[in-house]
Amino acid sequence: MPKSTKYKGVYVLKGYNNSIVYTAQKMHNGIMKKHDFKIEREAAIGYDKICIEFGLLPVNILKQKPAL
């Protein structure tokens, strides 16, 4: 079972030769999108981009800050 990170939709896995792989994955309306990254922050951005592709609001790095 993959471990989740501090970002929503991002999981850390052991990759080839025991390297660390950060996976961003999201399922929406029965469609799964998944991308692997070497850096956790990039995976969080990747997850946000997947959300945008599905027409959803991003929840990690790319989320909009509230207006003052």
Protein backbone atom coordinates (compact mmCIF):
# COMPACT_ATOMS: atom_id res chain seq x y z
CA MET A 1 0.00 0.00 0.00
CA PRO A 2 1.51 3.35 -1.00
CA LYS A 3 2.05 5.99 1.66
CA SER A 4 0.34 9.33 1.21
CA THR A 5 2.32 12.55 1.46
CA LYS A 6 1.36 15.97 2.78
CA TYR A 7 -0.31 16.70 -0.58
CA LYS A 8 -3.71 15.39 -1.59
CA GLY A 9 -3.56 12.70 -4.29
CA VAL A 10 0.22 12.22 -4.01
CA TYR A 11 1.73 8.93 -2.87
CA VAL A 12 5.31 7.80 -2.34
CA LEU A 13 6.45 4.45 -3.70
CA LYS A 14 9.70 2.53 -4.03
CA GLY A 15 10.79 2.61 -7.64
CA TYR A 16 13.42 0.81 -9.64
CA ASN A 17 16.65 0.18 -7.64
CA ASN A 18 14.87 1.36 -4.45
CA SER A 19 14.55 4.92 -5.72
CA ILE A 20 11.71 7.07 -4.42
CA VAL A 21 8.84 7.76 -6.82
CA TYR A 22 6.04 10.24 -6.14
CA THR A 23 2.81 9.30 -7.88
CA ALA A 24 -0.03 11.73 -8.55
CA GLN A 25 -3.27 9.92 -9.27
CA LYS A 26 -6.93 10.84 -9.52
CA MET A 27 -10.02 8.92 -10.57
CA HIS A 28 -13.03 10.85 -11.86
CA ASN A 29 -16.13 9.43 -13.57
CA GLY A 30 -14.44 6.05 -13.89
CA ILE A 31 -11.33 7.46 -15.58
CA MET A 32 -7.97 7.09 -13.80
CA LYS A 33 -5.08 9.42 -14.53
CA LYS A 34 -1.69 8.76 -12.98
CA HIS A 35 1.77 10.31 -13.42
CA ASP A 36 5.09 9.60 -11.69
CA PHE A 37 7.58 12.24 -10.55
CA LYS A 38 10.96 12.35 -8.80
CA ILE A 39 10.05 15.36 -6.65
CA GLU A 40 7.09 15.54 -4.26
CA ARG A 41 6.21 19.17 -5.08
CA GLU A 42 6.16 18.39 -8.82
CA ALA A 43 3.78 15.50 -8.11
CA ALA A 44 1.49 17.89 -6.21
CA ILE A 45 1.47 20.24 -9.21
CA GLY A 46 0.85 17.22 -11.44
CA TYR A 47 -2.16 16.25 -9.34
CA ASP A 48 -3.51 19.78 -9.62
CA LYS A 49 -3.11 19.64 -13.41
CA ILE A 50 -5.00 16.34 -13.48
CA CYS A 51 -7.82 18.00 -11.51
CA ILE A 52 -7.89 20.86 -14.04
CA GLU A 53 -8.01 18.36 -16.93
CA PHE A 54 -11.08 16.80 -15.29
CA GLY A 55 -12.67 20.25 -14.92
CA LEU A 56 -12.15 20.28 -11.14
CA LEU A 57 -10.49 22.88 -8.94
CA PRO A 58 -6.84 22.25 -7.99
CA VAL A 59 -6.27 21.50 -4.30
CA ASN A 60 -2.50 21.65 -3.75
CA ILE A 61 0.02 24.13 -5.18
CA LEU A 62 -2.10 25.64 -7.96
CA LYS A 63 -5.20 26.34 -5.88
CA GLN A 64 -6.37 29.94 -5.87
CA LYS A 65 -5.69 31.98 -2.79
CA PRO A 66 -8.73 33.65 -1.24
CA ALA A 67 -9.29 37.29 -2.22
CA LEU A 68 -8.67 39.85 0.51
